[in-house]
N, C-alpha and C. Protein backbone atom coordinates (compact mmCIF):
# COMPACT_ATOMS: atom_id res chain seq x y z
N MET A 1 286.77 65.19 -7.58
CA MET A 1 285.65 66.01 -7.30
C MET A 1 284.31 65.23 -7.63
N LYS A 2 284.26 64.29 -8.51
CA LYS A 2 282.96 63.34 -8.94
C LYS A 2 282.87 62.54 -7.84
N ALA A 3 283.65 61.76 -6.96
CA ALA A 3 283.32 60.92 -5.89
C ALA A 3 282.78 62.10 -4.79
N PHE A 4 283.37 63.25 -4.59
CA PHE A 4 282.77 63.92 -3.52
C PHE A 4 281.50 63.98 -4.14
N VAL A 5 281.22 64.47 -4.81
CA VAL A 5 279.87 64.86 -5.33
C VAL A 5 278.65 63.48 -4.96
N ILE A 6 278.99 62.58 -5.80
CA ILE A 6 278.82 61.18 -5.48
C ILE A 6 278.10 60.76 -4.09
N THR A 7 279.27 61.15 -2.85
CA THR A 7 279.04 60.88 -1.68
C THR A 7 278.25 61.92 -0.87
N ALA A 8 278.19 63.07 -1.33
CA ALA A 8 277.60 63.83 -0.86
C ALA A 8 275.96 63.66 -1.21
N LEU A 9 275.51 63.06 -2.41
CA LEU A 9 274.27 63.05 -2.96
C LEU A 9 273.83 61.70 -2.61
N ALA A 10 274.61 60.59 -1.81
CA ALA A 10 274.21 59.32 -1.39
C ALA A 10 273.95 59.92 0.28
N LEU A 11 274.97 61.03 0.87
CA LEU A 11 274.78 61.09 2.34
C LEU A 11 273.15 61.98 2.43
N LEU A 12 273.07 62.86 1.40
CA LEU A 12 271.79 63.68 1.38
C LEU A 12 270.36 62.52 1.00
N SER A 13 270.40 61.64 0.30
CA SER A 13 269.54 60.49 -0.11
C SER A 13 269.06 59.96 1.39
N ALA A 14 270.23 59.55 2.12
CA ALA A 14 270.18 58.69 3.10
C ALA A 14 269.18 59.55 4.31
N SER A 15 270.01 60.80 4.40
CA SER A 15 269.10 61.42 5.70
C SER A 15 267.84 61.94 4.91
N ALA A 16 267.48 62.36 3.45
CA ALA A 16 266.13 62.36 3.46
C ALA A 16 265.44 60.96 3.61
N GLN A 17 265.49 59.77 3.89
CA GLN A 17 264.87 58.45 4.20
C GLN A 17 264.96 58.44 5.44
N ALA A 18 265.75 59.08 6.26
CA ALA A 18 265.82 58.88 7.47
C ALA A 18 264.92 59.66 8.79
N HIS A 19 263.87 60.05 8.54
CA HIS A 19 262.55 60.25 9.33
C HIS A 19 261.65 59.81 8.73
N VAL A 20 260.29 60.05 9.66
CA VAL A 20 259.09 59.25 9.26
C VAL A 20 258.31 60.34 8.06
N VAL A 21 258.09 59.86 6.97
CA VAL A 21 257.41 60.27 6.15
C VAL A 21 255.89 60.01 5.52
N LEU A 22 255.21 61.00 5.20
CA LEU A 22 253.98 60.39 4.54
C LEU A 22 253.79 60.33 3.00
N ASP A 23 253.21 59.16 2.78
CA ASP A 23 252.85 58.59 1.36
C ASP A 23 251.34 58.46 1.18
N PRO A 24 251.24 59.18 0.05
CA PRO A 24 251.69 60.14 -0.80
C PRO A 24 251.93 61.57 0.23
N PRO A 25 252.77 62.28 -0.22
CA PRO A 25 253.46 63.84 0.22
C PRO A 25 252.48 64.96 0.18
N GLU A 26 251.36 64.50 -1.15
CA GLU A 26 250.26 65.84 -0.97
C GLU A 26 249.21 65.30 -1.49
N ALA A 27 248.40 66.03 -1.38
CA ALA A 27 246.83 65.72 -1.74
C ALA A 27 245.95 66.94 -1.92
N ALA A 28 244.81 66.86 -2.87
CA ALA A 28 244.22 67.87 -2.83
C ALA A 28 243.49 68.29 -2.04
N ALA A 29 243.18 69.74 -1.51
CA ALA A 29 242.01 70.12 -0.71
C ALA A 29 240.76 69.77 -0.81
N GLY A 30 240.05 69.07 0.28
CA GLY A 30 238.57 68.65 0.32
C GLY A 30 238.25 67.34 -0.15
N SER A 31 239.83 66.70 -0.89
CA SER A 31 239.50 65.04 -0.74
C SER A 31 239.80 64.17 0.57
N SER A 32 239.47 63.21 0.14
CA SER A 32 239.78 62.21 1.19
C SER A 32 241.10 61.58 0.74
N TYR A 33 241.62 61.35 2.11
CA TYR A 33 243.51 61.24 1.95
C TYR A 33 243.53 60.20 2.81
N ARG A 34 244.38 59.10 2.32
CA ARG A 34 244.95 57.80 3.22
C ARG A 34 246.52 58.13 3.28
N ALA A 35 246.62 58.58 4.56
CA ALA A 35 247.99 58.68 5.46
C ALA A 35 248.79 57.63 5.88
N ALA A 36 249.50 57.45 5.02
CA ALA A 36 250.47 56.03 5.35
C ALA A 36 252.16 56.68 5.99
N PHE A 37 252.12 56.38 7.00
CA PHE A 37 253.24 57.23 7.93
C PHE A 37 254.19 55.93 8.08
N ARG A 38 255.33 56.39 6.98
CA ARG A 38 256.48 55.28 6.92
C ARG A 38 257.42 55.56 7.86
N ILE A 39 257.32 54.39 8.53
CA ILE A 39 258.91 54.49 9.60
C ILE A 39 259.89 53.53 8.76
N GLY A 40 261.02 54.28 8.66
CA GLY A 40 261.83 53.61 7.91
C GLY A 40 263.43 52.85 8.67
N HIS A 41 263.08 53.33 10.13
CA HIS A 41 264.22 52.84 10.75
C HIS A 41 263.74 52.83 12.30
N GLY A 42 264.55 52.15 13.13
CA GLY A 42 264.19 52.09 14.52
C GLY A 42 265.11 53.39 15.19
N CYS A 43 265.29 52.76 16.40
CA CYS A 43 266.15 54.43 17.14
C CYS A 43 267.60 53.82 17.45
N ASN A 44 268.50 54.22 16.62
CA ASN A 44 269.95 53.75 16.84
C ASN A 44 269.96 52.08 16.90
N GLY A 45 269.40 51.53 16.00
CA GLY A 45 269.20 50.18 16.04
C GLY A 45 268.49 49.48 16.62
N ALA A 46 267.68 50.16 17.83
CA ALA A 46 266.54 49.27 18.38
C ALA A 46 265.28 49.29 17.82
N ALA A 47 264.46 48.17 18.24
CA ALA A 47 263.20 47.96 17.31
C ALA A 47 262.32 49.01 17.88
N THR A 48 261.32 49.32 17.38
CA THR A 48 260.17 50.51 17.55
C THR A 48 259.16 49.83 18.02
N THR A 49 258.34 49.95 19.45
CA THR A 49 257.58 49.31 19.96
C THR A 49 256.22 50.02 20.09
N VAL A 50 256.18 51.19 19.63
CA VAL A 50 255.02 52.35 19.57
C VAL A 50 255.29 53.49 18.75
N VAL A 51 254.24 53.41 18.17
CA VAL A 51 254.12 54.75 17.16
C VAL A 51 252.98 55.54 17.64
N ILE A 52 253.16 56.80 17.78
CA ILE A 52 251.96 57.94 18.22
C ILE A 52 251.99 59.07 17.20
N VAL A 53 250.73 59.24 16.55
CA VAL A 53 250.86 60.13 15.34
C VAL A 53 249.71 61.37 16.38
N THR A 54 250.17 62.35 16.27
CA THR A 54 249.34 63.64 16.74
C THR A 54 248.73 64.13 15.30
N LEU A 55 247.10 64.31 15.23
CA LEU A 55 246.78 65.09 14.18
C LEU A 55 246.45 66.44 13.97
N PRO A 56 246.73 67.32 13.11
CA PRO A 56 246.57 68.54 13.27
C PRO A 56 244.71 68.88 13.15
N ALA A 57 244.33 69.78 13.57
CA ALA A 57 243.15 70.32 13.59
C ALA A 57 242.67 70.57 12.26
N GLY A 58 241.28 70.05 12.29
CA GLY A 58 240.69 70.38 10.83
C GLY A 58 240.60 69.07 9.95
N LEU A 59 241.11 68.12 10.64
CA LEU A 59 240.92 66.83 9.47
C LEU A 59 239.21 66.21 10.01
N ARG A 60 238.71 66.02 8.89
CA ARG A 60 237.15 65.67 9.01
C ARG A 60 237.17 63.67 8.68
N GLY A 61 236.21 63.34 10.07
CA GLY A 61 236.06 61.99 9.88
C GLY A 61 237.51 60.79 10.15
N ALA A 62 238.63 61.37 10.60
CA ALA A 62 239.74 60.55 10.42
C ALA A 62 239.51 59.38 11.30
N LYS A 63 240.15 58.21 10.36
CA LYS A 63 240.00 56.98 11.15
C LYS A 63 241.09 56.27 11.06
N PRO A 64 241.61 55.59 12.03
CA PRO A 64 242.63 54.78 12.16
C PRO A 64 242.81 53.39 11.38
N SER A 65 243.70 52.89 10.95
CA SER A 65 243.67 51.10 10.58
C SER A 65 244.33 50.44 11.61
N PRO A 66 243.91 49.28 11.84
CA PRO A 66 244.18 48.50 12.64
C PRO A 66 245.21 47.66 12.07
N LYS A 67 246.58 47.34 12.83
CA LYS A 67 247.52 46.33 12.24
C LYS A 67 247.29 44.91 12.97
N PRO A 68 247.93 43.91 12.30
CA PRO A 68 247.71 42.80 13.20
C PRO A 68 248.93 42.97 13.98
N GLY A 69 248.98 42.21 15.33
CA GLY A 69 250.00 42.24 16.12
C GLY A 69 250.18 43.54 17.20
N TRP A 70 249.64 44.51 16.42
CA TRP A 70 249.62 45.82 17.47
C TRP A 70 248.23 46.31 18.05
N THR A 71 247.95 46.82 19.30
CA THR A 71 246.76 47.27 19.72
C THR A 71 246.95 49.05 19.52
N LEU A 72 245.66 49.46 19.22
CA LEU A 72 245.11 50.55 18.64
C LEU A 72 244.44 51.47 19.81
N THR A 73 244.99 52.60 19.89
CA THR A 73 244.01 53.44 20.76
C THR A 73 244.06 55.02 20.28
N THR A 74 243.26 55.58 20.29
CA THR A 74 242.78 56.80 20.48
C THR A 74 242.53 57.86 21.21
N THR A 75 242.76 59.12 20.80
CA THR A 75 242.50 60.10 21.97
C THR A 75 241.50 61.25 20.85
N ARG A 76 240.27 61.62 21.47
CA ARG A 76 239.82 62.65 20.65
C ARG A 76 239.71 63.94 21.40
N ARG A 77 239.46 65.01 20.77
CA ARG A 77 239.47 66.64 21.21
C ARG A 77 238.03 67.13 20.73
N PRO A 78 237.49 68.05 21.58
CA PRO A 78 236.32 68.92 21.05
C PRO A 78 236.80 69.73 20.07
N LEU A 79 235.76 69.85 19.05
CA LEU A 79 235.88 70.68 17.91
C LEU A 79 235.36 72.30 18.20
N LYS A 80 236.00 73.42 17.54
CA LYS A 80 235.55 74.83 17.92
C LYS A 80 234.63 74.79 17.24
N SER A 81 234.55 74.47 15.94
CA SER A 81 233.13 74.59 15.22
C SER A 81 232.50 73.02 14.86
N PRO A 82 231.62 72.51 15.41
CA PRO A 82 230.99 71.22 15.22
C PRO A 82 230.11 71.50 13.87
N TYR A 83 230.30 70.61 13.00
CA TYR A 83 229.45 70.41 11.89
C TYR A 83 228.35 69.10 11.68
N GLU A 84 227.87 68.81 10.61
CA GLU A 84 226.87 67.74 10.50
C GLU A 84 227.24 66.82 9.52
N SER A 85 227.34 65.57 9.64
CA SER A 85 227.78 64.93 8.49
C SER A 85 227.03 63.49 8.56
N HIS A 86 226.10 63.17 7.50
CA HIS A 86 225.31 62.12 7.37
C HIS A 86 224.00 62.36 8.11
N GLY A 87 223.67 63.60 8.62
CA GLY A 87 222.42 63.90 9.34
C GLY A 87 222.69 63.73 11.07
N LYS A 88 224.12 63.60 11.13
CA LYS A 88 224.37 63.66 12.63
C LYS A 88 225.31 64.79 12.99
N PRO A 89 225.26 65.17 14.20
CA PRO A 89 226.02 66.25 14.74
C PRO A 89 227.42 65.72 14.83
N VAL A 90 228.71 66.29 14.41
CA VAL A 90 230.08 65.94 14.87
C VAL A 90 230.46 67.05 15.60
N THR A 91 230.74 66.73 17.21
CA THR A 91 231.57 67.62 18.04
C THR A 91 232.78 67.39 18.26
N ASP A 92 233.25 66.44 17.86
CA ASP A 92 234.68 66.09 18.29
C ASP A 92 235.43 65.51 17.34
N GLU A 93 236.83 65.41 17.44
CA GLU A 93 237.63 64.84 15.98
C GLU A 93 238.52 63.85 16.79
N LEU A 94 239.07 63.26 16.00
CA LEU A 94 240.31 62.25 16.28
C LEU A 94 241.88 63.22 16.32
N ALA A 95 242.26 63.29 17.69
CA ALA A 95 243.52 64.41 17.85
C ALA A 95 244.91 63.27 17.82
N GLU A 96 244.91 61.96 18.33
CA GLU A 96 245.82 61.28 18.50
C GLU A 96 245.81 59.80 18.23
N VAL A 97 246.44 59.03 17.68
CA VAL A 97 246.27 57.49 17.74
C VAL A 97 247.78 57.01 17.93
N ARG A 98 247.60 55.76 18.29
CA ARG A 98 248.69 55.30 19.12
C ARG A 98 248.35 53.79 18.90
N TRP A 99 249.86 53.13 17.92
CA TRP A 99 249.52 51.79 17.72
C TRP A 99 250.65 51.47 18.63
N THR A 100 250.29 50.17 19.59
CA THR A 100 251.59 49.41 20.42
C THR A 100 251.69 47.89 20.26
N ALA A 101 252.89 47.66 19.76
CA ALA A 101 253.08 46.58 19.71
C ALA A 101 253.00 45.60 20.70
N ASN A 102 252.26 44.41 20.49
CA ASN A 102 251.64 43.37 21.46
C ASN A 102 252.84 42.60 22.27
N THR A 103 253.44 41.80 21.55
CA THR A 103 254.78 41.21 21.96
C THR A 103 256.06 41.50 21.16
N PRO A 104 257.26 40.86 21.70
CA PRO A 104 258.57 41.42 21.02
C PRO A 104 258.51 40.78 19.84
N ALA A 105 257.68 39.74 19.32
CA ALA A 105 257.39 39.13 17.70
C ALA A 105 256.98 40.11 17.17
N ASP A 106 256.04 41.02 17.53
CA ASP A 106 255.74 42.11 16.90
C ASP A 106 256.14 43.65 16.45
N PHE A 107 257.36 43.80 17.25
CA PHE A 107 258.32 44.73 17.00
C PHE A 107 258.48 45.23 15.80
N LEU A 108 258.84 46.16 15.42
CA LEU A 108 259.19 46.58 14.22
C LEU A 108 260.88 46.76 14.40
N GLN A 109 261.48 45.66 13.69
CA GLN A 109 262.89 45.88 13.85
C GLN A 109 263.79 47.07 13.11
N ASP A 110 264.66 47.28 13.61
CA ASP A 110 265.50 48.78 12.65
C ASP A 110 265.63 48.13 11.39
N ASP A 111 265.47 46.95 11.04
CA ASP A 111 266.14 46.64 9.55
C ASP A 111 265.25 46.64 8.58
N TRP A 112 263.92 46.89 9.32
CA TRP A 112 262.76 46.62 8.34
C TRP A 112 261.65 48.13 8.27
N PHE A 113 261.04 48.35 7.40
CA PHE A 113 260.02 49.55 7.46
C PHE A 113 258.39 49.06 7.56
N ASP A 114 257.27 49.86 7.98
CA ASP A 114 256.61 49.52 7.73
C ASP A 114 255.60 50.95 7.89
N GLU A 115 254.19 50.52 7.49
CA GLU A 115 253.33 51.73 7.54
C GLU A 115 252.23 51.71 8.32
N PHE A 116 251.87 53.00 8.96
CA PHE A 116 250.87 52.94 9.76
C PHE A 116 249.79 54.31 9.39
N VAL A 117 248.52 53.74 8.98
CA VAL A 117 247.48 54.37 8.28
C VAL A 117 246.62 54.81 8.71
N ILE A 118 246.18 56.13 8.49
CA ILE A 118 244.93 57.28 9.10
C ILE A 118 243.95 57.44 8.01
N ARG A 119 242.78 57.47 7.48
CA ARG A 119 242.09 57.73 6.69
C ARG A 119 241.60 59.25 7.22
N ALA A 120 241.38 60.42 6.32
CA ALA A 120 240.55 61.55 6.64
C ALA A 120 240.41 62.20 5.57
N GLY A 121 239.20 63.19 5.63
CA GLY A 121 238.81 64.11 4.99
C GLY A 121 239.61 65.56 4.97
N LEU A 122 240.08 66.10 4.30
CA LEU A 122 241.36 67.12 4.07
C LEU A 122 240.33 68.41 3.85
N PRO A 123 241.02 69.35 4.64
CA PRO A 123 240.57 70.85 4.47
C PRO A 123 240.02 71.47 3.46
N ALA A 124 239.19 72.29 3.38
CA ALA A 124 239.18 72.53 1.78
C ALA A 124 240.08 73.67 1.34
N GLU A 125 240.67 74.38 2.23
CA GLU A 125 241.69 75.34 1.89
C GLU A 125 243.44 74.52 1.84
N PRO A 126 244.12 75.10 0.72
CA PRO A 126 245.47 74.50 0.52
C PRO A 126 246.58 74.90 1.47
N GLY A 127 247.30 74.62 1.71
CA GLY A 127 248.47 74.72 2.87
C GLY A 127 249.22 73.62 3.26
N VAL A 128 249.76 73.69 4.38
CA VAL A 128 250.64 72.62 4.66
C VAL A 128 250.21 72.03 6.06
N LEU A 129 250.28 70.85 6.02
CA LEU A 129 249.55 70.04 7.45
C LEU A 129 250.89 69.55 8.29
N TRP A 130 251.31 69.74 9.50
CA TRP A 130 252.17 69.08 9.99
C TRP A 130 251.64 67.75 10.91
N PHE A 131 252.33 66.84 10.63
CA PHE A 131 251.94 65.89 11.96
C PHE A 131 253.17 65.34 12.81
N PRO A 132 252.93 65.91 13.69
CA PRO A 132 254.02 65.12 15.08
C PRO A 132 253.83 63.78 15.18
N VAL A 133 255.09 62.84 15.05
CA VAL A 133 255.12 61.69 15.08
C VAL A 133 256.04 61.11 16.60
N ARG A 134 255.55 60.29 17.55
CA ARG A 134 256.67 59.90 18.31
C ARG A 134 256.61 58.18 17.97
N GLN A 135 258.09 57.91 18.14
CA GLN A 135 258.42 56.83 18.06
C GLN A 135 259.34 56.17 19.19
N LEU A 136 258.29 55.24 19.81
CA LEU A 136 259.31 54.74 21.09
C LEU A 136 260.28 53.36 21.02
N CYS A 137 260.80 53.05 21.48
CA CYS A 137 261.85 51.73 20.82
C CYS A 137 262.22 51.07 21.87
N THR A 138 262.63 49.98 21.69
CA THR A 138 263.24 49.41 23.30
C THR A 138 264.15 49.75 23.98
N GLN A 139 265.13 50.50 23.22
CA GLN A 139 265.69 51.64 24.05
C GLN A 139 265.76 52.89 22.94
N GLY A 140 265.39 54.19 23.87
CA GLY A 140 265.37 55.37 23.16
C GLY A 140 264.09 55.73 22.41
N GLU A 141 264.11 56.71 21.90
CA GLU A 141 263.07 57.36 21.08
C GLU A 141 263.25 58.59 19.98
N TRP A 142 262.57 58.46 19.02
CA TRP A 142 262.37 59.70 18.42
C TRP A 142 261.13 60.50 18.34
N HIS A 143 261.04 61.74 18.51
CA HIS A 143 260.17 63.03 18.72
C HIS A 143 260.51 63.35 17.06
N TRP A 144 259.35 62.96 16.04
CA TRP A 144 259.60 63.78 15.09
C TRP A 144 258.58 64.81 14.98
N ALA A 145 258.96 65.91 15.51
CA ALA A 145 258.05 67.18 16.00
C ALA A 145 258.55 68.40 15.30
N GLU A 146 259.87 68.48 14.88
CA GLU A 146 260.15 69.87 14.29
C GLU A 146 259.89 70.23 13.38
N LEU A 147 259.52 71.69 13.30
CA LEU A 147 259.11 72.34 11.97
C LEU A 147 260.42 73.24 11.65
N PRO A 148 260.50 73.28 10.15
CA PRO A 148 261.58 74.12 9.52
C PRO A 148 261.55 75.48 10.19
N SER A 149 262.29 76.14 10.13
CA SER A 149 262.39 77.34 10.56
C SER A 149 263.58 78.24 9.62
N PRO A 150 263.86 79.42 9.86
CA PRO A 150 264.71 80.40 9.24
C PRO A 150 266.00 79.82 9.81
N GLU A 151 266.21 79.80 10.59
CA GLU A 151 267.31 79.25 11.70
C GLU A 151 267.71 77.76 10.97
N THR A 152 266.52 76.86 11.46
CA THR A 152 266.73 75.42 11.09
C THR A 152 265.89 74.92 9.57
N PRO A 153 266.49 75.17 8.48
CA PRO A 153 265.44 74.93 7.30
C PRO A 153 265.46 73.23 7.34
N THR A 154 266.50 72.96 7.75
CA THR A 154 266.11 71.20 7.76
C THR A 154 266.73 70.42 8.85
N PRO A 155 265.36 70.49 9.75
CA PRO A 155 265.59 70.24 11.26
C PRO A 155 265.95 68.55 11.36
N ARG A 156 266.65 68.08 12.18
CA ARG A 156 267.22 66.80 12.71
C ARG A 156 265.82 66.03 12.70
N ALA A 157 264.67 66.26 13.39
CA ALA A 157 263.96 65.19 13.60
C ALA A 157 262.36 65.84 12.98
N PRO A 158 262.31 66.06 11.78
CA PRO A 158 261.06 66.75 11.39
C PRO A 158 259.45 66.21 11.53
N ALA A 159 258.77 66.78 11.73
CA ALA A 159 257.30 66.20 11.70
C ALA A 159 257.06 65.66 10.06
N ALA A 160 256.20 64.83 10.10
CA ALA A 160 255.57 64.57 8.63
C ALA A 160 254.78 65.59 8.43
N LYS A 161 254.94 65.88 6.85
CA LYS A 161 254.51 66.98 6.10
C LYS A 161 253.64 66.61 5.02
N LEU A 162 252.54 67.16 5.41
CA LEU A 162 251.36 66.99 4.07
C LEU A 162 250.98 68.34 3.50
N THR A 163 251.47 68.38 1.88
CA THR A 163 251.30 69.65 1.18
C THR A 163 249.67 69.42 0.69
N VAL A 164 248.92 70.23 1.12
CA VAL A 164 247.23 70.23 0.53
C VAL A 164 247.43 71.26 -0.70
N THR A 165 247.10 70.61 -1.56
CA THR A 165 247.29 71.20 -3.01
C THR A 165 245.90 71.83 -3.07
N PRO A 166 245.70 72.79 -4.07
CA PRO A 166 244.57 73.10 -4.40
C PRO A 166 243.51 72.32 -5.14
N ALA A 167 242.30 72.28 -5.01
CA ALA A 167 241.54 71.25 -5.33
C ALA A 167 241.25 71.40 -6.73
N ALA A 168 241.55 70.19 -7.67
CA ALA A 168 241.25 69.89 -8.77
C ALA A 168 239.67 70.77 -9.39
N PRO A 169 239.81 71.50 -10.55
CA PRO A 169 238.59 71.61 -11.33
C PRO A 169 237.84 71.13 -11.33
N ALA A 170 236.36 71.18 -11.33
CA ALA A 170 235.50 70.28 -11.52
C ALA A 170 235.31 69.98 -13.30
N PRO A 171 234.96 68.74 -13.64
CA PRO A 171 234.93 68.37 -15.00
C PRO A 171 233.94 69.36 -16.04
N HIS A 172 234.38 69.25 -16.71
CA HIS A 172 233.79 70.87 -18.06
C HIS A 172 232.49 69.56 -18.26
N ALA A 173 231.43 70.09 -18.07
CA ALA A 173 229.95 69.18 -18.80
C ALA A 173 229.73 69.75 -20.13
N HIS A 174 229.61 68.90 -21.25
CA HIS A 174 229.20 69.34 -22.24
C HIS A 174 227.58 69.34 -22.70
């Protein structure tokens, strides 16, 4: 029985690491957040060549980080409610970020892991944000976009999840 429990825990641990995860997985509402999307494997042994992250609405001032050896492209979408930042109107927001490996030497091999980073201001309200991530490989792809549901509480290819926690109370002044 003990061997069964150890084997089951090892399998659960392996499956928990088998998808794109955010590091850190939670952050305070209204804070500036550094989202590191950790790619832990390729596609059934094939190297990763493209990573595409779709951002949920409501992130403010999102900016991706370039990676040496990868071409960075972005897509923007209009805001439903424009706002002002540093005295300038903001009418659109980052919708999608795509990193594409420049050469085979830059591919993210299946045996390696790497992080693809975006910085953004989080919404003022706590909740859960989901980031679909598409991972293209030399052979095959993963579309990490499934959300948990009552029918599928643990999806096979889950979207990256960020838990936005309540903002920390302001420090007490004396």
